[in-house]
PDB file of all heavy atoms in Angstrom:
ATOM      1  N   ASN A   1      40.548  74.273  20.202  1.00  0.00           N
ATOM      2  CA  ASN A   1      41.376  74.971  21.207  1.00  0.00           C
ATOM      3  C   ASN A   1      42.916  74.735  20.884  1.00  0.00           C
ATOM      4  O   ASN A   1      43.685  75.688  20.896  1.00  0.00           O
ATOM      5  CB  ASN A   1      41.124  74.485  22.588  1.00  0.00           C
ATOM      6  CG  ASN A   1      41.880  75.159  23.634  1.00  0.00           C
ATOM      7  OD1 ASN A   1      41.663  76.218  24.054  1.00  0.00           O
ATOM      8  ND2 ASN A   1      42.957  74.386  24.184  1.00  0.00           N
ATOM      9  N   ALA A   2      43.258  73.525  20.474  1.00  0.00           N
ATOM     10  CA  ALA A   2      44.586  73.210  20.107  1.00  0.00           C
ATOM     11  C   ALA A   2      45.050  73.997  18.884  1.00  0.00           C
ATOM     12  O   ALA A   2      46.201  74.397  18.710  1.00  0.00           O
ATOM     13  CB  ALA A   2      44.795  71.728  19.925  1.00  0.00           C
ATOM     14  N   ARG A   3      44.089  74.040  17.940  1.00  0.00           N
ATOM     15  CA  ARG A   3      44.473  74.812  16.697  1.00  0.00           C
ATOM     16  C   ARG A   3      44.646  76.322  16.921  1.00  0.00           C
ATOM     17  O   ARG A   3      45.582  76.915  16.455  1.00  0.00           O
ATOM     18  CB  ARG A   3      43.307  74.671  15.734  1.00  0.00           C
ATOM     19  CG  ARG A   3      43.227  73.347  15.019  1.00  0.00           C
ATOM     20  CD  ARG A   3      44.334  73.082  14.014  1.00  0.00           C
ATOM     21  NE  ARG A   3      44.233  71.845  13.327  1.00  0.00           N
ATOM     22  CZ  ARG A   3      45.154  71.375  12.429  1.00  0.00           C
ATOM     23  NH1 ARG A   3      46.201  72.091  12.222  1.00  0.00           N
ATOM     24  NH2 ARG A   3      44.986  70.263  11.892  1.00  0.00           N
ATOM     25  N   TYR A   4      43.942  76.872  17.898  1.00  0.00           N
ATOM     26  CA  TYR A   4      44.241  78.196  18.259  1.00  0.00           C
ATOM     27  C   TYR A   4      45.630  78.381  19.045  1.00  0.00           C
ATOM     28  O   TYR A   4      46.385  79.327  18.683  1.00  0.00           O
ATOM     29  CB  TYR A   4      43.110  78.677  19.281  1.00  0.00           C
ATOM     30  CG  TYR A   4      41.919  79.245  18.556  1.00  0.00           C
ATOM     31  CD1 TYR A   4      40.702  78.665  18.881  1.00  0.00           C
ATOM     32  CD2 TYR A   4      41.945  80.270  17.719  1.00  0.00           C
ATOM     33  CE1 TYR A   4      39.530  79.129  18.238  1.00  0.00           C
ATOM     34  CE2 TYR A   4      40.765  80.778  17.076  1.00  0.00           C
ATOM     35  CZ  TYR A   4      39.568  80.156  17.358  1.00  0.00           C
ATOM     36  OH  TYR A   4      38.396  80.710  16.735  1.00  0.00           O
ATOM     37  N   GLU A   5      46.031  77.386  19.733  1.00  0.00           N
ATOM     38  CA  GLU A   5      47.318  77.397  20.456  1.00  0.00           C
ATOM     39  C   GLU A   5      48.396  77.276  19.392  1.00  0.00           C
ATOM     40  O   GLU A   5      49.452  77.886  19.595  1.00  0.00           O
ATOM     41  CB  GLU A   5      47.374  76.212  21.440  1.00  0.00           C
ATOM     42  CG  GLU A   5      46.527  76.430  22.642  1.00  0.00           C
ATOM     43  CD  GLU A   5      46.441  75.277  23.572  1.00  0.00           C
ATOM     44  OE1 GLU A   5      46.855  74.137  23.109  1.00  0.00           O
ATOM     45  OE2 GLU A   5      46.013  75.347  24.769  1.00  0.00           O
ATOM     46  N   LEU A   6      48.107  76.558  18.341  1.00  0.00           N
ATOM     47  CA  LEU A   6      49.177  76.322  17.359  1.00  0.00           C
ATOM     48  C   LEU A   6      49.504  77.677  16.562  1.00  0.00           C
ATOM     49  O   LEU A   6      50.589  77.882  16.060  1.00  0.00           O
ATOM     50  CB  LEU A   6      48.715  75.209  16.337  1.00  0.00           C
ATOM     51  CG  LEU A   6      48.891  73.828  16.758  1.00  0.00           C
ATOM     52  CD1 LEU A   6      48.374  72.914  15.656  1.00  0.00           C
ATOM     53  CD2 LEU A   6      50.399  73.522  17.148  1.00  0.00           C
ATOM     54  N   LEU A   7      48.465  78.509  16.529  1.00  0.00           N
ATOM     55  CA  LEU A   7      48.668  79.846  15.854  1.00  0.00           C
ATOM     56  C   LEU A   7      49.827  80.584  16.549  1.00  0.00           C
ATOM     57  O   LEU A   7      50.702  81.138  15.887  1.00  0.00           O
ATOM     58  CB  LEU A   7      47.387  80.618  15.914  1.00  0.00           C
ATOM     59  CG  LEU A   7      46.253  80.321  14.903  1.00  0.00           C
ATOM     60  CD1 LEU A   7      45.086  81.168  15.128  1.00  0.00           C
ATOM     61  CD2 LEU A   7      46.740  80.420  13.522  1.00  0.00           C
ATOM     62  N   GLY A   8      49.692  80.642  17.972  1.00  0.00           N
ATOM     63  CA  GLY A   8      50.674  81.375  18.682  1.00  0.00           C
ATOM     64  C   GLY A   8      52.064  80.736  18.456  1.00  0.00           C
ATOM     65  O   GLY A   8      53.034  81.422  18.335  1.00  0.00           O
ATOM     66  N   ARG A   9      52.134  79.396  18.517  1.00  0.00           N
ATOM     67  CA  ARG A   9      53.387  78.734  18.334  1.00  0.00           C
ATOM     68  C   ARG A   9      54.058  78.991  17.022  1.00  0.00           C
ATOM     69  O   ARG A   9      55.162  79.336  16.917  1.00  0.00           O
ATOM     70  CB  ARG A   9      53.265  77.189  18.596  1.00  0.00           C
ATOM     71  CG  ARG A   9      54.541  76.442  18.566  1.00  0.00           C
ATOM     72  CD  ARG A   9      54.274  74.972  18.325  1.00  0.00           C
ATOM     73  NE  ARG A   9      53.845  74.717  16.917  1.00  0.00           N
ATOM     74  CZ  ARG A   9      53.613  73.487  16.455  1.00  0.00           C
ATOM     75  NH1 ARG A   9      53.740  72.488  17.109  1.00  0.00           N
ATOM     76  NH2 ARG A   9      53.230  73.385  15.183  1.00  0.00           N
ATOM     77  N   ASP A  10      53.236  78.891  15.963  1.00  0.00           N
ATOM     78  CA  ASP A  10      53.800  79.076  14.564  1.00  0.00           C
ATOM     79  C   ASP A  10      54.198  80.561  14.404  1.00  0.00           C
ATOM     80  O   ASP A  10      55.234  80.737  13.742  1.00  0.00           O
ATOM     81  CB  ASP A  10      52.674  78.709  13.605  1.00  0.00           C
ATOM     82  CG  ASP A  10      52.404  77.214  13.617  1.00  0.00           C
ATOM     83  OD1 ASP A  10      53.235  76.432  14.302  1.00  0.00           O
ATOM     84  OD2 ASP A  10      51.406  76.790  12.995  1.00  0.00           O
ATOM     85  N   LEU A  11      53.440  81.465  14.901  1.00  0.00           N
ATOM     86  CA  LEU A  11      53.757  82.824  14.804  1.00  0.00           C
ATOM     87  C   LEU A  11      55.167  83.191  15.516  1.00  0.00           C
ATOM     88  O   LEU A  11      55.920  83.903  15.011  1.00  0.00           O
ATOM     89  CB  LEU A  11      52.666  83.771  15.414  1.00  0.00           C
ATOM     90  CG  LEU A  11      52.610  85.278  14.875  1.00  0.00           C
ATOM     91  CD1 LEU A  11      52.679  85.316  13.427  1.00  0.00           C
ATOM     92  CD2 LEU A  11      51.392  86.016  15.492  1.00  0.00           C
ATOM     93  N   LYS A  12      55.314  82.568  16.646  1.00  0.00           N
ATOM     94  CA  LYS A  12      56.590  82.740  17.363  1.00  0.00           C
ATOM     95  C   LYS A  12      57.750  82.233  16.678  1.00  0.00           C
ATOM     96  O   LYS A  12      58.831  82.742  16.513  1.00  0.00           O
ATOM     97  CB  LYS A  12      56.441  82.139  18.838  1.00  0.00           C
ATOM     98  CG  LYS A  12      55.621  82.815  19.794  1.00  0.00           C
ATOM     99  CD  LYS A  12      56.448  84.007  20.399  1.00  0.00           C
ATOM    100  CE  LYS A  12      55.683  84.569  21.551  1.00  0.00           C
ATOM    101  NZ  LYS A  12      56.380  85.748  22.180  1.00  0.00           N
ATOM    102  N   GLN A  13      57.518  81.023  16.011  1.00  0.00           N
ATOM    103  CA  GLN A  13      58.620  80.393  15.243  1.00  0.00           C
ATOM    104  C   GLN A  13      58.958  81.211  14.041  1.00  0.00           C
ATOM    105  O   GLN A  13      60.114  81.363  13.621  1.00  0.00           O
ATOM    106  CB  GLN A  13      58.070  79.001  14.838  1.00  0.00           C
ATOM    107  CG  GLN A  13      58.093  77.899  15.935  1.00  0.00           C
ATOM    108  CD  GLN A  13      57.628  76.653  15.403  1.00  0.00           C
ATOM    109  OE1 GLN A  13      57.185  76.437  14.368  1.00  0.00           O
ATOM    110  NE2 GLN A  13      57.748  75.555  16.335  1.00  0.00           N
ATOM    111  N   VAL A  14      57.929  81.815  13.326  1.00  0.00           N
ATOM    112  CA  VAL A  14      58.286  82.670  12.156  1.00  0.00           C
ATOM    113  C   VAL A  14      59.078  83.790  12.580  1.00  0.00           C
ATOM    114  O   VAL A  14      60.056  84.225  11.861  1.00  0.00           O
ATOM    115  CB  VAL A  14      56.863  83.070  11.523  1.00  0.00           C
ATOM    116  CG1 VAL A  14      57.197  84.190  10.462  1.00  0.00           C
ATOM    117  CG2 VAL A  14      56.243  81.959  10.780  1.00  0.00           C
ATOM    118  N   ALA A  15      58.702  84.500  13.640  1.00  0.00           N
ATOM    119  CA  ALA A  15      59.441  85.646  14.139  1.00  0.00           C
ATOM    120  C   ALA A  15      60.862  85.220  14.520  1.00  0.00           C
ATOM    121  O   ALA A  15      61.835  86.002  14.203  1.00  0.00           O
ATOM    122  CB  ALA A  15      58.737  86.249  15.356  1.00  0.00           C
ATOM    123  N   LYS A  16      61.047  84.092  15.218  1.00  0.00           N
ATOM    124  CA  LYS A  16      62.291  83.746  15.596  1.00  0.00           C
ATOM    125  C   LYS A  16      63.226  83.430  14.305  1.00  0.00           C
ATOM    126  O   LYS A  16      64.446  83.975  14.376  1.00  0.00           O
ATOM    127  CB  LYS A  16      62.241  82.479  16.353  1.00  0.00           C
ATOM    128  CG  LYS A  16      63.602  81.867  16.884  1.00  0.00           C
ATOM    129  CD  LYS A  16      63.381  80.606  17.780  1.00  0.00           C
ATOM    130  CE  LYS A  16      64.719  80.076  18.200  1.00  0.00           C
ATOM    131  NZ  LYS A  16      64.584  78.834  18.960  1.00  0.00           N
ATOM    132  N   VAL A  17      62.713  82.831  13.291  1.00  0.00           N
ATOM    133  CA  VAL A  17      63.540  82.482  12.075  1.00  0.00           C
ATOM    134  C   VAL A  17      63.914  83.775  11.356  1.00  0.00           C
ATOM    135  O   VAL A  17      65.093  84.044  10.978  1.00  0.00           O
ATOM    136  CB  VAL A  17      62.702  81.565  11.131  1.00  0.00           C
ATOM    137  CG1 VAL A  17      63.456  81.425   9.798  1.00  0.00           C
ATOM    138  CG2 VAL A  17      62.619  80.222  11.797  1.00  0.00           C
ATOM    139  N   LEU A  18      62.957  84.666  11.256  1.00  0.00           N
ATOM    140  CA  LEU A  18      63.180  85.921  10.550  1.00  0.00           C
ATOM    141  C   LEU A  18      64.184  86.818  11.296  1.00  0.00           C
ATOM    142  O   LEU A  18      65.060  87.505  10.703  1.00  0.00           O
ATOM    143  CB  LEU A  18      61.905  86.716  10.337  1.00  0.00           C
ATOM    144  CG  LEU A  18      60.932  86.122   9.289  1.00  0.00           C
ATOM    145  CD1 LEU A  18      59.706  86.968   9.262  1.00  0.00           C
ATOM    146  CD2 LEU A  18      61.617  86.118   7.991  1.00  0.00           C
ATOM    147  N   LEU A  19      64.173  86.862  12.707  1.00  0.00           N
ATOM    148  CA  LEU A  19      64.987  87.719  13.430  1.00  0.00           C
ATOM    149  C   LEU A  19      66.533  87.171  13.364  1.00  0.00           C
ATOM    150  O   LEU A  19      67.440  87.832  13.399  1.00  0.00           O
ATOM    151  CB  LEU A  19      64.523  87.685  14.889  1.00  0.00           C
ATOM    152  CG  LEU A  19      63.358  88.596  15.157  1.00  0.00           C
ATOM    153  CD1 LEU A  19      62.806  88.353  16.590  1.00  0.00           C
ATOM    154  CD2 LEU A  19      63.599  90.016  14.872  1.00  0.00           C
ATOM    155  N   GLU A  20      66.574  85.778  13.173  1.00  0.00           N
ATOM    156  CA  GLU A  20      67.960  85.242  13.067  1.00  0.00           C
ATOM    157  C   GLU A  20      68.503  85.282  11.678  1.00  0.00           C
ATOM    158  O   GLU A  20      69.723  85.475  11.475  1.00  0.00           O
ATOM    159  CB  GLU A  20      67.885  83.693  13.500  1.00  0.00           C
ATOM    160  CG  GLU A  20      67.576  83.519  14.981  1.00  0.00           C
ATOM    161  CD  GLU A  20      67.400  82.018  15.360  1.00  0.00           C
ATOM    162  OE1 GLU A  20      67.525  81.188  14.435  1.00  0.00           O
ATOM    163  OE2 GLU A  20      67.277  81.767  16.519  1.00  0.00           O
ATOM    164  N   HIS A  21      67.645  85.201  10.610  1.00  0.00           N
ATOM    165  CA  HIS A  21      68.204  85.062   9.212  1.00  0.00           C
ATOM    166  C   HIS A  21      67.581  86.131   8.270  1.00  0.00           C
ATOM    167  O   HIS A  21      68.104  86.111   7.149  1.00  0.00           O
ATOM    168  CB  HIS A  21      67.896  83.654   8.670  1.00  0.00           C
ATOM    169  CG  HIS A  21      68.347  82.521   9.551  1.00  0.00           C
ATOM    170  ND1 HIS A  21      69.717  82.263   9.777  1.00  0.00           N
ATOM    171  CD2 HIS A  21      67.703  81.690  10.337  1.00  0.00           C
ATOM    172  CE1 HIS A  21      69.803  81.165  10.625  1.00  0.00           C
ATOM    173  NE2 HIS A  21      68.575  80.825  10.933  1.00  0.00           N
ATOM    174  N   GLY A  22      66.700  86.875   8.672  1.00  0.00           N
ATOM    175  CA  GLY A  22      66.105  87.895   7.765  1.00  0.00           C
ATOM    176  C   GLY A  22      66.930  89.036   7.500  1.00  0.00           C
ATOM    177  O   GLY A  22      67.798  89.434   8.256  1.00  0.00           O
ATOM    178  N   GLN A  23      66.797  89.580   6.315  1.00  0.00           N
ATOM    179  CA  GLN A  23      67.499  90.825   5.836  1.00  0.00           C
ATOM    180  C   GLN A  23      66.732  92.056   6.241  1.00  0.00           C
ATOM    181  O   GLN A  23      65.517  92.050   6.198  1.00  0.00           O
ATOM    182  CB  GLN A  23      67.651  90.827   4.330  1.00  0.00           C
ATOM    183  CG  GLN A  23      68.445  89.640   3.770  1.00  0.00           C
ATOM    184  CD  GLN A  23      68.464  89.558   2.263  1.00  0.00           C
ATOM    185  OE1 GLN A  23      68.095  90.538   1.608  1.00  0.00           O
ATOM    186  NE2 GLN A  23      69.108  88.522   1.740  1.00  0.00           N
ATOM    187  N   PRO A  24      67.407  93.088   6.757  1.00  0.00           N
ATOM    188  CA  PRO A  24      66.743  94.293   7.293  1.00  0.00           C
ATOM    189  C   PRO A  24      65.826  94.897   6.331  1.00  0.00           C
ATOM    190  O   PRO A  24      64.710  95.424   6.651  1.00  0.00           O
ATOM    191  CB  PRO A  24      67.932  95.196   7.592  1.00  0.00           C
ATOM    192  CG  PRO A  24      69.046  94.321   7.854  1.00  0.00           C
ATOM    193  CD  PRO A  24      68.891  93.149   6.916  1.00  0.00           C
ATOM    194  N   ALA A  25      66.106  94.844   4.977  1.00  0.00           N
ATOM    195  CA  ALA A  25      65.230  95.513   3.975  1.00  0.00           C
ATOM    196  C   ALA A  25      64.031  94.732   3.724  1.00  0.00           C
ATOM    197  O   ALA A  25      62.978  95.273   3.228  1.00  0.00           O
ATOM    198  CB  ALA A  25      65.988  95.705   2.672  1.00  0.00           C
ATOM    199  N   LYS A  26      63.921  93.414   4.002  1.00  0.00           N
ATOM    200  CA  LYS A  26      62.791  92.563   3.726  1.00  0.00           C
ATOM    201  C   LYS A  26      62.007  91.986   4.905  1.00  0.00           C
ATOM    202  O   LYS A  26      61.034  91.385   4.738  1.00  0.00           O
ATOM    203  CB  LYS A  26      63.269  91.465   2.782  1.00  0.00           C
ATOM    204  CG  LYS A  26      63.908  91.918   1.521  1.00  0.00           C
ATOM    205  CD  LYS A  26      64.358  90.730   0.655  1.00  0.00           C
ATOM    206  CE  LYS A  26      64.917  91.068  -0.665  1.00  0.00           C
ATOM    207  NZ  LYS A  26      65.377  89.822  -1.488  1.00  0.00           N
ATOM    208  N   ILE A  27      62.698  92.113   6.033  1.00  0.00           N
ATOM    209  CA  ILE A  27      62.164  91.355   7.160  1.00  0.00           C
ATOM    210  C   ILE A  27      60.709  91.787   7.518  1.00  0.00           C
ATOM    211  O   ILE A  27      59.876  90.922   7.910  1.00  0.00           O
ATOM    212  CB  ILE A  27      63.157  91.417   8.382  1.00  0.00           C
ATOM    213  CG1 ILE A  27      62.514  90.613   9.566  1.00  0.00           C
ATOM    214  CG2 ILE A  27      63.189  92.929   8.861  1.00  0.00           C
ATOM    215  CD1 ILE A  27      63.545  90.558  10.702  1.00  0.00           C
ATOM    216  N   ALA A  28      60.468  93.090   7.406  1.00  0.00           N
ATOM    217  CA  ALA A  28      59.068  93.528   7.911  1.00  0.00           C
ATOM    218  C   ALA A  28      58.005  92.994   6.779  1.00  0.00           C
ATOM    219  O   ALA A  28      56.916  92.537   7.203  1.00  0.00           O
ATOM    220  CB  ALA A  28      59.045  95.034   7.934  1.00  0.00           C
ATOM    221  N   ALA A  29      58.299  93.018   5.556  1.00  0.00           N
ATOM    222  CA  ALA A  29      57.428  92.558   4.529  1.00  0.00           C
ATOM    223  C   ALA A  29      57.142  91.131   4.696  1.00  0.00           C
ATOM    224  O   ALA A  29      56.120  90.612   4.549  1.00  0.00           O
ATOM    225  CB  ALA A  29      57.933  92.808   3.210  1.00  0.00           C
TER     226      ALA A  29
END
């Protein structure tokens, strides 16, 4: 159950980092 919860946390963190520092041409990929 905790591992499933970590999926959501890690996915949120990836999206947060990319939205802050990602380049528009590469962010979706």
